[in-house]
């Protein structure tokens, strides 16, 4: 206990002396600080208080790089095809409104909706009693005048007049029938049997479905991509595993004001009559196609005023991050210098840009660049994108 008290007193005295010397500047500070208090302590206490600890550290060497990490894409030439997806409906290539040429009561509708009709078939007819009587009368008149003409009882004018009357009666009779002018199907029936109809009334629709077309509406911003004769592939929900080839047959000359869309028609062959008018249809229209296109992602180019440019990366050297002595080296970090280069874009989609001038195959360009670079800026390549998609 006495030894501990002594040690404590010595420590306090040394602290007081140091404070007095510093404040009054009457004592040489270097001498006070040069006193080794540990020598004044017993060896056992000195070892307990001032025990040395040894830590072993392994030297490391770090290479600090100021290069900006970037992701790059290696340009390549590929076969490229851009398609425009659209939605619409199947329609008959010829849809004919069925109307009588005379007024009367609808007596017969000889076909049901969707039923096939052959050329020359009578689709529907009005009541024909009066028309048949007039036709019979005119036929008898022709026979009578012909006999009288043969014996010289009447002149030729009278004979010709009776023939004209017969022709008129026959025409009136024909007007009570609606004939199919070609093969097709009955689209729909708009009037029931027994209704009184006039030449202005549509009783149904006749459809020629040996050839059909798909009608689509294209939004205004995509209309510049459309051209007559473009190939298209059409799909319908009724036959999910089959597609129908066609071409753009017509494009509306105007953009519809309310919907801001432009209508187009794709002609399709339908030999098996599987495509029915009214079916929901989807199509892919080939708007652009080439076999040797130099393509880049749209995230790789920048626009300034009316010019487009990209950041080219020219590889310089590789740097390693070294581990501990005898340790393994970290992967190689490739670096390069930036070149700002102007390019010309031939065709642009939402994801891909086709470059017509300014780039060569195999060059590295920065993608997803969220900052501006200057010429000769140093960058570190931390990823190489293999494909656009």
Protein backbone atom coordinates (compact mmCIF):
# COMPACT_ATOMS: atom_id res chain seq x y z
CA UNK A 1 0.00 0.00 0.00
CA UNK A 2 2.86 2.37 0.82
CA UNK A 3 4.38 1.78 -2.58
CA UNK A 4 1.11 2.56 -4.32
CA UNK A 5 0.69 5.77 -2.34
CA UNK A 6 4.22 6.77 -3.28
CA UNK A 7 3.55 6.15 -6.95
CA UNK A 8 0.35 8.18 -6.83
CA UNK A 9 2.13 11.11 -5.09
CA UNK A 10 4.93 11.10 -7.64
CA UNK A 11 2.49 11.23 -10.53
CA UNK A 12 0.62 14.21 -9.02
CA UNK A 13 3.89 16.08 -8.31
CA UNK A 14 5.08 15.55 -11.90
CA UNK A 15 1.80 16.85 -13.30
CA UNK A 16 1.89 19.95 -11.09
CA UNK A 17 5.47 20.74 -12.06
CA UNK A 18 4.66 20.43 -15.78
CA UNK A 19 1.63 22.73 -15.47
CA UNK A 20 3.59 25.34 -13.49
CA UNK A 21 6.41 25.35 -16.04
CA UNK A 22 4.10 25.83 -18.96
CA UNK A 23 2.17 28.67 -17.39
CA UNK A 24 5.08 30.66 -15.95
CA UNK A 25 7.68 29.77 -18.61
CA UNK A 26 10.26 29.73 -15.81
CA UNK A 27 11.08 26.06 -16.22
CA UNK A 28 12.55 24.42 -19.34
CA UNK A 29 9.69 22.41 -20.80
CA UNK A 30 11.94 20.11 -22.74
CA UNK A 31 13.66 19.02 -19.53
CA UNK A 32 10.36 18.26 -17.78
CA UNK A 33 9.05 16.32 -20.71
CA UNK A 34 12.36 14.51 -20.97
CA UNK A 35 11.89 12.99 -17.52
CA UNK A 36 10.86 9.39 -17.92
CA UNK A 37 8.25 8.83 -15.17
CA UNK A 38 8.25 5.13 -15.92
CA UNK A 39 11.80 4.84 -14.50
CA UNK A 40 10.50 6.15 -11.20
CA UNK A 41 8.01 3.31 -10.93
CA UNK A 42 8.72 -0.19 -9.67
CA UNK A 43 9.34 -2.71 -12.44
CA UNK A 44 6.21 -4.78 -11.64
CA UNK A 45 3.92 -1.71 -11.77
CA UNK A 46 5.69 -0.35 -14.84
CA UNK A 47 5.10 -3.62 -16.74
CA UNK A 48 1.43 -3.74 -15.70
CA UNK A 49 0.71 -0.12 -16.74
CA UNK A 50 2.87 0.22 -19.84
CA UNK A 51 2.47 -3.29 -21.30
CA UNK A 52 3.47 -3.36 -24.97
CA UNK A 53 1.15 -4.82 -27.54
CA UNK A 54 2.38 -5.98 -30.89
CA UNK A 55 0.17 -6.11 -33.89
CA UNK A 56 1.34 -7.48 -37.12
CA UNK A 57 0.15 -5.82 -40.31
CA UNK A 58 0.71 -6.95 -43.76
CA UNK A 59 1.67 -4.26 -46.20
CA UNK A 60 -0.76 -3.57 -49.05
CA UNK A 61 -0.29 -1.53 -52.16
CA UNK A 62 -3.40 0.12 -53.63
CA UNK A 63 -3.57 1.68 -57.03
CA UNK A 64 -5.98 4.60 -56.82
CA UNK A 65 -7.57 5.38 -60.16
CA UNK A 66 -9.34 8.63 -61.01
CA UNK A 67 -10.97 7.04 -64.07
CA UNK A 68 -14.77 7.17 -64.26
CA UNK A 69 -16.40 3.70 -64.39
CA UNK A 70 -18.53 3.14 -67.50
CA UNK A 71 -20.49 0.45 -69.30
CA UNK A 72 -19.70 -0.01 -73.00
CA UNK A 73 -21.18 -1.74 -76.03
CA UNK A 74 -19.12 -3.21 -78.86
CA UNK A 75 -20.66 -2.27 -82.21
CA UNK A 76 -21.47 -5.02 -84.69
CA UNK A 77 -23.33 -5.53 -87.94
CA UNK A 78 -26.50 -7.64 -87.77
CA UNK A 79 -29.64 -8.45 -89.72
CA UNK A 80 -32.29 -6.02 -88.52
CA UNK A 81 -36.05 -6.01 -88.93
CA UNK A 82 -38.41 -3.51 -87.36
CA UNK A 83 -42.10 -4.31 -87.09
CA UNK A 84 -45.07 -2.18 -86.15
CA UNK A 85 -47.68 -3.98 -83.98
CA UNK A 86 -51.31 -3.06 -84.72
CA UNK A 87 -54.77 -4.30 -83.77
CA UNK A 88 -58.00 -4.37 -85.76
CA UNK A 89 -60.67 -6.59 -87.33
CA UNK A 90 -61.18 -8.91 -90.28
CA UNK A 91 -63.54 -7.69 -92.98
CA UNK A 92 -64.83 -9.15 -96.23
CA UNK A 93 -63.01 -7.90 -99.30
CA UNK A 94 -66.39 -7.17 -100.88
CA UNK A 95 -69.34 -6.41 -98.62
CA UNK A 96 -72.48 -5.77 -100.65
CA UNK A 97 -75.66 -4.32 -99.18
CA UNK A 98 -78.69 -6.34 -100.24
CA UNK A 99 -81.53 -4.17 -101.56
CA UNK A 100 -84.50 -4.83 -103.86
CA UNK A 101 -85.02 -2.72 -106.95
CA UNK A 102 -88.75 -2.47 -106.29
CA UNK A 103 -91.09 -2.20 -103.32
CA UNK A 104 -92.98 -5.11 -101.86
CA UNK A 105 -93.38 -7.54 -99.00
CA UNK A 106 -90.39 -9.77 -98.22
CA UNK A 107 -91.63 -13.30 -98.84
CA UNK A 108 -88.52 -15.48 -98.50
CA UNK A 109 -85.01 -15.23 -97.11
CA UNK A 110 -83.38 -18.36 -98.52
CA UNK A 111 -80.13 -18.36 -96.49
CA UNK A 112 -79.13 -18.03 -92.87
CA UNK A 113 -76.36 -15.82 -91.57
CA UNK A 114 -72.94 -17.29 -92.38
CA UNK A 115 -74.34 -19.76 -94.89
CA UNK A 116 -72.41 -20.19 -98.13
CA UNK A 117 -74.01 -18.88 -101.31
CA UNK A 118 -73.14 -19.85 -104.88
CA UNK A 119 -73.11 -17.44 -107.79
CA UNK A 120 -76.61 -17.18 -109.30
CA UNK A 121 -78.49 -18.34 -106.18
CA UNK A 122 -81.63 -16.39 -105.21
CA UNK A 123 -80.85 -14.93 -101.81
CA UNK A 124 -84.32 -13.45 -101.11
CA UNK A 125 -87.53 -12.56 -102.94
CA UNK A 126 -90.65 -10.43 -102.57
CA UNK A 127 -94.21 -11.64 -103.11
CA UNK A 128 -94.42 -12.34 -106.85
CA UNK A 129 -98.06 -13.03 -107.58
CA UNK A 130 -98.73 -9.81 -109.49
CA UNK A 131 -95.38 -9.91 -111.28
CA UNK A 132 -95.97 -13.51 -112.42
CA UNK A 133 -99.44 -12.64 -113.76
CA UNK A 134 -98.07 -9.72 -115.76
CA UNK A 135 -95.32 -11.92 -117.13
CA UNK A 136 -97.77 -14.64 -118.18
CA UNK A 137 -100.03 -12.10 -119.84
CA UNK A 138 -97.14 -10.54 -121.75
CA UNK A 139 -95.97 -13.98 -122.84
CA UNK A 140 -99.42 -14.83 -124.25
CA UNK A 141 -99.54 -11.50 -126.06
CA UNK A 142 -96.26 -12.26 -127.76
CA UNK A 143 -97.49 -15.67 -128.94
CA UNK A 144 -100.74 -14.18 -130.25
CA UNK A 145 -99.13 -11.30 -132.14
CA UNK A 146 -96.57 -13.67 -133.63
CA UNK A 147 -99.31 -15.87 -135.11
CA UNK A 148 -101.15 -12.82 -136.49
CA UNK A 149 -97.92 -11.52 -137.97
CA UNK A 150 -97.26 -14.87 -139.64
CA UNK A 151 -100.62 -14.80 -141.45
CA UNK A 152 -100.24 -11.10 -142.26
CA UNK A 153 -102.93 -9.91 -139.87
CA UNK A 154 -100.66 -7.29 -138.21
CA UNK A 155 -97.51 -5.43 -139.02
CA UNK A 156 -94.04 -5.92 -137.59
CA UNK A 157 -94.33 -2.88 -135.36
CA UNK A 158 -97.14 -4.49 -133.40
CA UNK A 159 -95.11 -7.66 -132.97
CA UNK A 160 -92.09 -5.74 -131.68
CA UNK A 161 -94.30 -3.79 -129.29
CA UNK A 162 -95.58 -7.00 -127.72
CA UNK A 163 -92.05 -8.29 -127.32
CA UNK A 164 -91.06 -5.11 -125.51
CA UNK A 165 -93.99 -5.46 -123.14
CA UNK A 166 -92.91 -9.01 -122.40
CA UNK A 167 -89.37 -7.83 -121.70
CA UNK A 168 -90.68 -5.17 -119.32
CA UNK A 169 -92.84 -7.71 -117.46
CA UNK A 170 -89.92 -10.11 -117.18
CA UNK A 171 -87.71 -7.28 -115.78
CA UNK A 172 -90.34 -6.43 -113.18
CA UNK A 173 -90.42 -10.08 -112.16
CA UNK A 174 -86.63 -10.22 -111.84
CA UNK A 175 -86.69 -7.19 -109.58
CA UNK A 176 -88.58 -9.21 -106.99
CA UNK A 177 -85.50 -11.45 -106.57
CA UNK A 178 -82.00 -10.73 -105.25
CA UNK A 179 -79.37 -12.88 -107.00
CA UNK A 180 -75.83 -13.67 -105.85
CA UNK A 181 -73.42 -12.13 -108.34
CA UNK A 182 -70.53 -14.31 -107.06
CA UNK A 183 -69.67 -16.94 -104.46
CA UNK A 184 -69.75 -15.80 -100.84
CA UNK A 185 -71.67 -15.94 -97.59
CA UNK A 186 -74.62 -14.13 -96.08
CA UNK A 187 -73.13 -11.74 -93.55
CA UNK A 188 -76.23 -10.75 -91.64
CA UNK A 189 -79.97 -10.32 -92.04
CA UNK A 190 -81.40 -6.91 -91.23
CA UNK A 191 -85.07 -7.49 -92.15
CA UNK A 192 -87.55 -10.20 -91.21
CA UNK A 193 -89.82 -12.08 -93.61
CA UNK A 194 -93.18 -10.34 -93.98
CA UNK A 195 -91.76 -6.81 -93.74
CA UNK A 196 -92.56 -4.23 -96.37
CA UNK A 197 -89.40 -2.96 -98.01
CA UNK A 198 -88.50 -0.29 -100.52
CA UNK A 199 -85.41 0.14 -102.74
CA UNK A 200 -83.90 2.27 -99.94
CA UNK A 201 -84.13 -0.49 -97.33
CA UNK A 202 -81.15 -2.80 -96.73
CA UNK A 203 -82.30 -6.32 -95.91
CA UNK A 204 -78.84 -7.79 -95.27
CA UNK A 205 -75.17 -7.98 -96.29
CA UNK A 206 -73.55 -10.33 -98.78
CA UNK A 207 -69.82 -10.92 -98.29
CA UNK A 208 -67.17 -12.26 -100.62
CA UNK A 209 -64.70 -14.01 -98.31
CA UNK A 210 -62.54 -15.80 -100.87
CA UNK A 211 -60.30 -12.81 -100.18
CA UNK A 212 -60.57 -10.79 -96.99
CA UNK A 213 -58.70 -7.88 -95.51
CA UNK A 214 -57.71 -6.88 -92.02
CA UNK A 215 -58.43 -3.26 -91.15
CA UNK A 216 -56.27 -1.46 -88.58
CA UNK A 217 -55.93 2.04 -87.15
CA UNK A 218 -52.39 3.33 -86.68
CA UNK A 219 -51.58 6.17 -84.28
CA UNK A 220 -50.41 9.41 -85.83
CA UNK A 221 -46.74 9.21 -84.76
CA UNK A 222 -46.31 5.85 -86.53
CA UNK A 223 -47.97 6.86 -89.80
CA UNK A 224 -44.68 8.00 -91.46
CA UNK A 225 -43.46 4.38 -91.27
CA UNK A 226 -46.30 3.06 -93.47
CA UNK A 227 -45.93 2.31 -97.19
CA UNK A 228 -48.05 0.45 -99.72
CA UNK A 229 -46.85 -3.09 -100.38
CA UNK A 230 -45.20 -3.64 -96.99
CA UNK A 231 -45.28 -7.26 -95.85
CA UNK A 232 -47.41 -8.11 -92.84
CA UNK A 233 -48.15 -11.11 -90.66
CA UNK A 234 -51.67 -11.32 -89.26
CA UNK A 235 -52.88 -13.37 -86.28
CA UNK A 236 -56.41 -14.11 -85.07
CA UNK A 237 -57.44 -15.45 -81.68
CA UNK A 238 -59.52 -18.24 -83.25
CA UNK A 239 -56.34 -19.86 -84.66
CA UNK A 240 -53.53 -18.97 -82.21
CA UNK A 241 -50.97 -21.30 -83.82
CA UNK A 242 -51.43 -20.01 -87.36
CA UNK A 243 -50.46 -16.79 -89.07
CA UNK A 244 -51.60 -15.28 -92.36
CA UNK A 245 -49.28 -13.47 -94.73
CA UNK A 246 -50.44 -10.34 -96.51
CA UNK A 247 -49.42 -6.94 -97.79
CA UNK A 248 -50.54 -3.39 -97.06
CA UNK A 249 -53.17 -2.83 -99.76
CA UNK A 250 -54.41 0.65 -98.93
CA UNK A 251 -53.63 3.53 -96.57
CA UNK A 252 -56.16 6.23 -95.75
CA UNK A 253 -55.05 9.65 -97.04
CA UNK A 254 -56.15 11.43 -93.86
CA UNK A 255 -55.73 11.14 -90.10
CA UNK A 256 -59.08 10.80 -88.38
CA UNK A 257 -59.62 13.89 -86.27
CA UNK A 258 -61.21 12.42 -83.16
CA UNK A 259 -58.94 9.40 -82.63
CA UNK A 260 -55.83 10.82 -84.35
CA UNK A 261 -55.36 7.54 -86.21
CA UNK A 262 -54.83 6.54 -89.83
CA UNK A 263 -56.64 3.52 -91.29
CA UNK A 264 -54.94 0.86 -93.39
CA UNK A 265 -56.01 -2.43 -94.97
CA UNK A 266 -54.00 -5.63 -95.38
CA UNK A 267 -55.25 -7.99 -98.08
CA UNK A 268 -55.33 -11.69 -97.14
CA UNK A 269 -56.13 -14.84 -99.08
CA UNK A 270 -58.84 -17.00 -97.51
CA UNK A 271 -59.26 -20.15 -99.64
CA UNK A 272 -60.63 -22.27 -96.78
CA UNK A 273 -62.99 -19.54 -95.56
CA UNK A 274 -61.50 -19.82 -92.07
CA UNK A 275 -61.19 -16.08 -91.63
CA UNK A 276 -64.58 -14.61 -90.84
CA UNK A 277 -65.53 -10.93 -91.00
CA UNK A 278 -65.65 -9.44 -87.52
CA UNK A 279 -62.81 -11.54 -86.08
CA UNK A 280 -60.37 -9.66 -83.85
CA UNK A 281 -56.94 -9.48 -85.50
CA UNK A 282 -53.39 -8.50 -84.60
CA UNK A 283 -50.63 -7.82 -87.10
CA UNK A 284 -46.92 -7.12 -87.35
CA UNK A 285 -46.12 -4.83 -90.27
CA UNK A 286 -42.51 -4.96 -91.52
CA UNK A 287 -41.66 -1.25 -91.68
CA UNK A 288 -37.88 -1.63 -92.14
CA UNK A 289 -35.53 -4.50 -92.92
CA UNK A 290 -31.85 -4.82 -93.79
CA UNK A 291 -29.21 -7.58 -93.66
CA UNK A 292 -26.12 -5.52 -92.77
CA UNK A 293 -27.05 -2.91 -90.21
CA UNK A 294 -24.68 -1.27 -87.74
CA UNK A 295 -26.88 -0.96 -84.68
CA UNK A 296 -26.39 0.62 -81.26
CA UNK A 297 -28.70 1.01 -78.23
CA UNK A 298 -30.62 4.26 -78.09
CA UNK A 299 -29.04 4.87 -74.67
CA UNK A 300 -25.64 5.20 -76.39
CA UNK A 301 -26.14 8.42 -78.32
CA UNK A 302 -26.68 12.01 -77.29
CA UNK A 303 -28.37 14.82 -79.19
CA UNK A 304 -27.27 18.40 -79.31
CA UNK A 305 -29.31 20.75 -81.46
CA UNK A 306 -29.85 18.73 -84.65
CA UNK A 307 -26.68 16.61 -84.33
CA UNK A 308 -26.18 13.18 -82.81
CA UNK A 309 -22.93 12.05 -81.17
CA UNK A 310 -21.53 9.12 -79.18
CA UNK A 311 -18.69 8.59 -76.72
CA UNK A 312 -16.06 6.26 -78.21
CA UNK A 313 -13.69 4.53 -75.76
CA UNK A 314 -10.13 3.80 -76.93
CA UNK A 315 -8.45 1.26 -74.64
CA UNK A 316 -5.16 2.38 -73.11
CA UNK A 317 -3.76 0.04 -70.45
CA UNK A 318 -4.82 -2.37 -67.75
CA UNK A 319 -4.43 -1.71 -64.03
CA UNK A 320 -4.40 -4.28 -61.23
CA UNK A 321 -5.38 -3.95 -57.61
CA UNK A 322 -2.73 -5.89 -55.70
CA UNK A 323 -3.50 -7.97 -52.64
CA UNK A 324 -1.33 -8.79 -49.65
CA UNK A 325 2.13 -10.18 -49.97
CA UNK A 326 1.81 -13.52 -51.68
CA UNK A 327 -1.93 -12.89 -52.17
CA UNK A 328 -3.90 -13.21 -55.38
CA UNK A 329 -4.32 -10.26 -57.72
CA UNK A 330 -7.72 -8.71 -58.32
CA UNK A 331 -9.25 -8.87 -61.85
CA UNK A 332 -7.78 -6.61 -64.49
CA UNK A 333 -9.44 -3.20 -64.76
CA UNK A 334 -9.41 -1.99 -68.37
CA UNK A 335 -9.19 1.73 -68.93
CA UNK A 336 -9.51 3.98 -71.94
CA UNK A 337 -9.77 7.50 -73.24
CA UNK A 338 -13.00 9.08 -74.48
CA UNK A 339 -13.50 10.46 -77.99
CA UNK A 340 -16.62 12.47 -78.82
CA UNK A 341 -17.71 11.57 -82.34
CA UNK A 342 -20.60 12.79 -84.49
CA UNK A 343 -22.78 10.12 -86.13
CA UNK A 344 -25.65 9.98 -88.61
CA UNK A 345 -28.75 7.91 -87.80
CA UNK A 346 -30.47 6.12 -90.68
CA UNK A 347 -33.37 4.60 -88.74
CA UNK A 348 -34.49 4.96 -85.14
CA UNK A 349 -36.75 2.86 -82.92
CA UNK A 350 -37.49 3.01 -79.22
CA UNK A 351 -34.57 0.66 -78.43
CA UNK A 352 -32.24 0.63 -81.46
CA UNK A 353 -30.54 3.19 -83.68
CA UNK A 354 -29.11 2.27 -87.10
CA UNK A 355 -25.94 4.23 -87.81
CA UNK A 356 -25.23 5.13 -91.44
CA UNK A 357 -22.08 7.21 -90.89
CA UNK A 358 -19.54 7.88 -88.16
CA UNK A 359 -19.05 4.44 -86.61
CA UNK A 360 -17.22 1.26 -87.55
CA UNK A 361 -17.73 -2.32 -86.53
CA UNK A 362 -15.98 -3.42 -83.32
CA UNK A 363 -15.70 0.01 -81.70
CA UNK A 364 -16.55 0.51 -78.03
CA UNK A 365 -19.15 3.13 -77.15
CA UNK A 366 -20.42 4.26 -73.76
CA UNK A 367 -24.01 3.24 -72.98
CA UNK A 368 -26.27 4.57 -70.25
CA UNK A 369 -24.09 7.65 -69.93
CA UNK A 370 -25.78 9.88 -67.36
CA UNK A 371 -23.02 12.47 -67.38
CA UNK A 372 -21.17 14.53 -69.94
CA UNK A 373 -17.66 13.57 -71.03
CA UNK A 374 -14.91 15.56 -72.70
CA UNK A 375 -12.35 14.39 -75.21
CA UNK A 376 -9.47 12.51 -73.56
CA UNK A 377 -11.41 11.88 -70.34
CA UNK A 378 -10.14 8.70 -68.68
CA UNK A 379 -12.73 6.00 -68.04
CA UNK A 380 -12.67 2.56 -66.49
CA UNK A 381 -14.53 -0.22 -68.34
CA UNK A 382 -16.44 -2.17 -65.72
CA UNK A 383 -18.87 -3.98 -68.08
CA UNK A 384 -19.11 -4.82 -71.79
CA UNK A 385 -22.67 -5.21 -73.06
CA UNK A 386 -22.85 -8.11 -75.53
CA UNK A 387 -26.21 -7.42 -77.18
CA UNK A 388 -28.74 -4.62 -77.42
CA UNK A 389 -31.63 -6.58 -75.92
